[in-house]
Amino acid sequence: MGRLTILTVLLALSVAQSFGEFIPRAPGDPDFVPVGKYRGYYMVSSDSGKWWKWGLARAPVEDPRVFSHGFGDDVVAIPFDAKGRVMFAPVYIYTIRPENVQKRRLEALYQGVTSQAEVQRIFGRPAIKGSVRGYQVWFYQIQVYNPFEEFPDIRG
């Protein structure tokens, strides 16, 4: 009986911990890109509903379209704790797969270590600052270009 109680308490604590975070990290999540022990980021398609479920609806994502001459905006969302440190893995919401330059910038962020000043040195000034579930979140717009949207094949 005692073992069952201990097992139940441990299971409840582990479940509570995984859902109490800004973004609940599930083992083997295909959208998470691990880089190191305290480094990694999420790459989520703009078509995915994940980023809405995570509370990132303010992200100014813009799909490249004919009307914008093939230009659009991907977004990087970086959550901070009360001390101004990167709290959880950043989220890259993409319309087009990101270039290696953007991946290297994301890989430079250490959870619990990288400060807001260091993030500004890497990414510049954020386009939008918001709050999600009690965490400050900075949103960075990254302009992308899809030439197939600028000159679509009208002959099919």
C-alpha atoms as a PDB file:
ATOM      1  CA  MET A   1       0.000   0.000   0.000  1.00  0.00           C
ATOM      2  CA  GLY A   2       2.842   2.429   0.850  1.00  0.00           C
ATOM      3  CA  ARG A   3       4.644   1.734  -2.412  1.00  0.00           C
ATOM      4  CA  LEU A   4       1.477   2.413  -4.388  1.00  0.00           C
ATOM      5  CA  THR A   5       1.006   5.748  -2.604  1.00  0.00           C
ATOM      6  CA  ILE A   6       4.612   6.790  -3.251  1.00  0.00           C
ATOM      7  CA  LEU A   7       4.356   5.754  -6.900  1.00  0.00           C
ATOM      8  CA  THR A   8       1.099   7.717  -7.303  1.00  0.00           C
ATOM      9  CA  VAL A   9       2.599  10.850  -5.732  1.00  0.00           C
ATOM     10  CA  LEU A  10       5.715  10.665  -7.933  1.00  0.00           C
ATOM     11  CA  LEU A  11       3.619  10.171 -11.045  1.00  0.00           C
ATOM     12  CA  ALA A  12       1.371  13.113 -10.140  1.00  0.00           C
ATOM     13  CA  LEU A  13       4.377  15.370  -9.521  1.00  0.00           C
ATOM     14  CA  SER A  14       6.007  14.467 -12.829  1.00  0.00           C
ATOM     15  CA  VAL A  15       2.779  15.121 -14.745  1.00  0.00           C
ATOM     16  CA  ALA A  16       2.214  18.430 -12.924  1.00  0.00           C
ATOM     17  CA  GLN A  17       5.765  19.518 -13.691  1.00  0.00           C
ATOM     18  CA  SER A  18       5.467  18.786 -17.398  1.00  0.00           C
ATOM     19  CA  PHE A  19       2.206  20.722 -17.765  1.00  0.00           C
ATOM     20  CA  GLY A  20       3.200  23.580 -15.463  1.00  0.00           C
ATOM     21  CA  GLU A  21       5.826  24.883 -17.848  1.00  0.00           C
ATOM     22  CA  PHE A  22       5.396  27.568 -20.492  1.00  0.00           C
ATOM     23  CA  ILE A  23       5.515  24.861 -23.145  1.00  0.00           C
ATOM     24  CA  PRO A  24       4.944  21.314 -21.901  1.00  0.00           C
ATOM     25  CA  ARG A  25       7.904  19.290 -23.150  1.00  0.00           C
ATOM     26  CA  ALA A  26       6.969  15.780 -24.167  1.00  0.00           C
ATOM     27  CA  PRO A  27       9.694  13.184 -24.660  1.00  0.00           C
ATOM     28  CA  GLY A  28      10.392  12.608 -28.330  1.00  0.00           C
ATOM     29  CA  ASP A  29       8.549  15.751 -29.493  1.00  0.00           C
ATOM     30  CA  PRO A  30       9.389  15.981 -33.227  1.00  0.00           C
ATOM     31  CA  ASP A  31       9.194  19.800 -33.130  1.00  0.00           C
ATOM     32  CA  PHE A  32      11.890  20.139 -30.445  1.00  0.00           C
ATOM     33  CA  VAL A  33      15.467  20.529 -31.700  1.00  0.00           C
ATOM     34  CA  PRO A  34      17.877  19.595 -28.879  1.00  0.00           C
ATOM     35  CA  VAL A  35      21.245  21.329 -28.996  1.00  0.00           C
ATOM     36  CA  GLY A  36      22.667  20.584 -25.544  1.00  0.00           C
ATOM     37  CA  LYS A  37      21.668  20.036 -21.953  1.00  0.00           C
ATOM     38  CA  TYR A  38      20.230  23.539 -21.444  1.00  0.00           C
ATOM     39  CA  ARG A  39      19.885  24.455 -25.094  1.00  0.00           C
ATOM     40  CA  GLY A  40      17.323  23.710 -27.715  1.00  0.00           C
ATOM     41  CA  TYR A  41      14.406  25.265 -29.519  1.00  0.00           C
ATOM     42  CA  TYR A  42      11.078  24.415 -31.077  1.00  0.00           C
ATOM     43  CA  MET A  43      10.491  24.661 -34.834  1.00  0.00           C
ATOM     44  CA  VAL A  44       6.755  24.815 -35.417  1.00  0.00           C
ATOM     45  CA  SER A  45       5.035  25.329 -38.756  1.00  0.00           C
ATOM     46  CA  SER A  46       2.719  28.303 -39.039  1.00  0.00           C
ATOM     47  CA  ASP A  47       0.059  25.812 -40.173  1.00  0.00           C
ATOM     48  CA  SER A  48       0.361  23.955 -36.873  1.00  0.00           C
ATOM     49  CA  GLY A  49      -2.047  24.781 -34.095  1.00  0.00           C
ATOM     50  CA  LYS A  50       0.638  24.160 -31.455  1.00  0.00           C
ATOM     51  CA  TRP A  51       1.794  27.732 -31.182  1.00  0.00           C
ATOM     52  CA  TRP A  52      -1.797  28.902 -30.616  1.00  0.00           C
ATOM     53  CA  LYS A  53      -2.261  26.297 -27.886  1.00  0.00           C
ATOM     54  CA  TRP A  54       0.932  27.553 -26.232  1.00  0.00           C
ATOM     55  CA  GLY A  55      -0.551  31.062 -26.000  1.00  0.00           C
ATOM     56  CA  LEU A  56       1.572  32.632 -28.742  1.00  0.00           C
ATOM     57  CA  ALA A  57      -1.364  34.049 -30.712  1.00  0.00           C
ATOM     58  CA  ARG A  58       0.240  37.532 -30.695  1.00  0.00           C
ATOM     59  CA  ALA A  59       3.071  36.273 -32.891  1.00  0.00           C
ATOM     60  CA  PRO A  60       2.987  38.399 -36.073  1.00  0.00           C
ATOM     61  CA  VAL A  61       3.366  35.492 -38.518  1.00  0.00           C
ATOM     62  CA  GLU A  62       2.689  36.397 -42.152  1.00  0.00           C
ATOM     63  CA  ASP A  63       2.704  33.781 -44.908  1.00  0.00           C
ATOM     64  CA  PRO A  64       4.448  34.827 -48.136  1.00  0.00           C
ATOM     65  CA  ARG A  65       1.732  35.609 -50.691  1.00  0.00           C
ATOM     66  CA  VAL A  66       1.350  36.952 -54.194  1.00  0.00           C
ATOM     67  CA  PHE A  67      -0.115  40.170 -52.766  1.00  0.00           C
ATOM     68  CA  SER A  68       3.037  40.785 -50.692  1.00  0.00           C
ATOM     69  CA  HIS A  69       5.299  39.952 -53.670  1.00  0.00           C
ATOM     70  CA  GLY A  70       6.481  36.721 -52.054  1.00  0.00           C
ATOM     71  CA  PHE A  71       7.514  38.293 -48.744  1.00  0.00           C
ATOM     72  CA  GLY A  72       6.327  37.135 -45.346  1.00  0.00           C
ATOM     73  CA  ASP A  73       7.380  36.970 -41.701  1.00  0.00           C
ATOM     74  CA  ASP A  74       8.502  34.079 -39.556  1.00  0.00           C
ATOM     75  CA  VAL A  75       8.589  34.694 -35.808  1.00  0.00           C
ATOM     76  CA  VAL A  76      10.873  33.731 -32.944  1.00  0.00           C
ATOM     77  CA  ALA A  77       9.195  33.786 -29.516  1.00  0.00           C
ATOM     78  CA  ILE A  78      11.551  33.889 -26.516  1.00  0.00           C
ATOM     79  CA  PRO A  79      10.091  33.485 -22.991  1.00  0.00           C
ATOM     80  CA  PHE A  80      11.809  35.085 -19.977  1.00  0.00           C
ATOM     81  CA  ASP A  81      11.480  34.514 -16.241  1.00  0.00           C
ATOM     82  CA  ALA A  82      11.080  37.269 -13.632  1.00  0.00           C
ATOM     83  CA  LYS A  83      14.890  37.722 -13.485  1.00  0.00           C
ATOM     84  CA  GLY A  84      15.084  38.414 -17.228  1.00  0.00           C
ATOM     85  CA  ARG A  85      16.685  35.102 -18.196  1.00  0.00           C
ATOM     86  CA  VAL A  86      15.574  32.817 -21.027  1.00  0.00           C
ATOM     87  CA  MET A  87      13.230  30.505 -19.155  1.00  0.00           C
ATOM     88  CA  PHE A  88      12.162  27.881 -21.689  1.00  0.00           C
ATOM     89  CA  ALA A  89      13.130  26.789 -25.170  1.00  0.00           C
ATOM     90  CA  PRO A  90      12.458  29.511 -27.757  1.00  0.00           C
ATOM     91  CA  VAL A  91       9.872  28.822 -30.444  1.00  0.00           C
ATOM     92  CA  TYR A  92      10.564  29.431 -34.141  1.00  0.00           C
ATOM     93  CA  ILE A  93       7.238  29.701 -36.002  1.00  0.00           C
ATOM     94  CA  TYR A  94       8.101  29.258 -39.658  1.00  0.00           C
ATOM     95  CA  THR A  95       6.329  29.674 -42.965  1.00  0.00           C
ATOM     96  CA  ILE A  96       9.446  28.581 -44.836  1.00  0.00           C
ATOM     97  CA  ARG A  97      12.184  26.444 -43.268  1.00  0.00           C
ATOM     98  CA  PRO A  98      14.670  28.766 -41.536  1.00  0.00           C
ATOM     99  CA  GLU A  99      18.152  29.428 -42.809  1.00  0.00           C
ATOM    100  CA  ASN A 100      21.194  28.192 -40.893  1.00  0.00           C
ATOM    101  CA  VAL A 101      21.887  31.734 -39.654  1.00  0.00           C
ATOM    102  CA  GLN A 102      18.610  31.721 -37.722  1.00  0.00           C
ATOM    103  CA  LYS A 103      19.292  28.249 -36.336  1.00  0.00           C
ATOM    104  CA  ARG A 104      22.721  29.350 -35.055  1.00  0.00           C
ATOM    105  CA  ARG A 105      21.150  32.362 -33.349  1.00  0.00           C
ATOM    106  CA  LEU A 106      18.677  30.081 -31.563  1.00  0.00           C
ATOM    107  CA  GLU A 107      21.446  27.657 -30.608  1.00  0.00           C
ATOM    108  CA  ALA A 108      23.278  30.494 -28.823  1.00  0.00           C
ATOM    109  CA  LEU A 109      20.526  30.780 -26.184  1.00  0.00           C
ATOM    110  CA  TYR A 110      20.965  28.931 -22.875  1.00  0.00           C
ATOM    111  CA  GLN A 111      17.867  28.335 -20.767  1.00  0.00           C
ATOM    112  CA  GLY A 112      18.222  29.888 -17.327  1.00  0.00           C
ATOM    113  CA  VAL A 113      21.471  31.646 -18.283  1.00  0.00           C
ATOM    114  CA  THR A 114      21.050  33.951 -21.296  1.00  0.00           C
ATOM    115  CA  SER A 115      19.875  37.422 -20.235  1.00  0.00           C
ATOM    116  CA  GLN A 116      17.618  39.866 -22.044  1.00  0.00           C
ATOM    117  CA  ALA A 117      20.634  42.058 -22.852  1.00  0.00           C
ATOM    118  CA  GLU A 118      22.398  39.099 -24.487  1.00  0.00           C
ATOM    119  CA  VAL A 119      19.252  38.244 -26.459  1.00  0.00           C
ATOM    120  CA  GLN A 120      19.133  41.829 -27.721  1.00  0.00           C
ATOM    121  CA  ARG A 121      22.764  41.557 -28.831  1.00  0.00           C
ATOM    122  CA  ILE A 122      21.932  38.400 -30.788  1.00  0.00           C
ATOM    123  CA  PHE A 123      18.492  39.307 -32.206  1.00  0.00           C
ATOM    124  CA  GLY A 124      18.204  43.090 -31.831  1.00  0.00           C
ATOM    125  CA  ARG A 125      15.124  44.898 -30.490  1.00  0.00           C
ATOM    126  CA  PRO A 126      11.980  42.766 -30.310  1.00  0.00           C
ATOM    127  CA  ALA A 127       9.058  43.667 -32.558  1.00  0.00           C
ATOM    128  CA  ILE A 128       6.541  42.895 -29.812  1.00  0.00           C
ATOM    129  CA  LYS A 129       6.848  42.335 -26.071  1.00  0.00           C
ATOM    130  CA  GLY A 130       4.018  40.439 -24.440  1.00  0.00           C
ATOM    131  CA  SER A 131       3.063  38.286 -21.498  1.00  0.00           C
ATOM    132  CA  VAL A 132       1.986  34.657 -21.676  1.00  0.00           C
ATOM    133  CA  ARG A 133       1.049  32.660 -18.567  1.00  0.00           C
ATOM    134  CA  GLY A 134       2.973  35.048 -16.327  1.00  0.00           C
ATOM    135  CA  TYR A 135       6.153  34.996 -18.434  1.00  0.00           C
ATOM    136  CA  GLN A 136       7.433  37.903 -20.473  1.00  0.00           C
ATOM    137  CA  VAL A 137       7.740  36.898 -24.131  1.00  0.00           C
ATOM    138  CA  TRP A 138       9.626  38.741 -26.830  1.00  0.00           C
ATOM    139  CA  PHE A 139       8.575  38.238 -30.442  1.00  0.00           C
ATOM    140  CA  TYR A 140      11.086  38.759 -33.248  1.00  0.00           C
ATOM    141  CA  GLN A 141       9.933  39.040 -36.848  1.00  0.00           C
ATOM    142  CA  ILE A 142      12.201  37.500 -39.470  1.00  0.00           C
ATOM    143  CA  GLN A 143      11.437  38.469 -43.039  1.00  0.00           C
ATOM    144  CA  VAL A 144      11.336  35.557 -45.456  1.00  0.00           C
ATOM    145  CA  TYR A 145      10.942  35.379 -49.210  1.00  0.00           C
ATOM    146  CA  ASN A 146       9.308  32.757 -51.398  1.00  0.00           C
ATOM    147  CA  PRO A 147       9.918  33.481 -55.113  1.00  0.00           C
ATOM    148  CA  PHE A 148       7.188  31.020 -56.104  1.00  0.00           C
ATOM    149  CA  GLU A 149       4.619  33.296 -54.464  1.00  0.00           C
ATOM    150  CA  GLU A 150       5.904  36.348 -56.320  1.00  0.00           C
ATOM    151  CA  PHE A 151       5.684  34.752 -59.771  1.00  0.00           C
ATOM    152  CA  PRO A 152       3.110  31.963 -59.576  1.00  0.00           C
ATOM    153  CA  ASP A 153       2.694  29.749 -62.614  1.00  0.00           C
ATOM    154  CA  ILE A 154      -0.643  30.906 -63.994  1.00  0.00           C
ATOM    155  CA  ARG A 155      -0.734  28.137 -66.622  1.00  0.00           C
ATOM    156  CA  GLY A 156      -1.088  25.449 -63.948  1.00  0.00           C
END
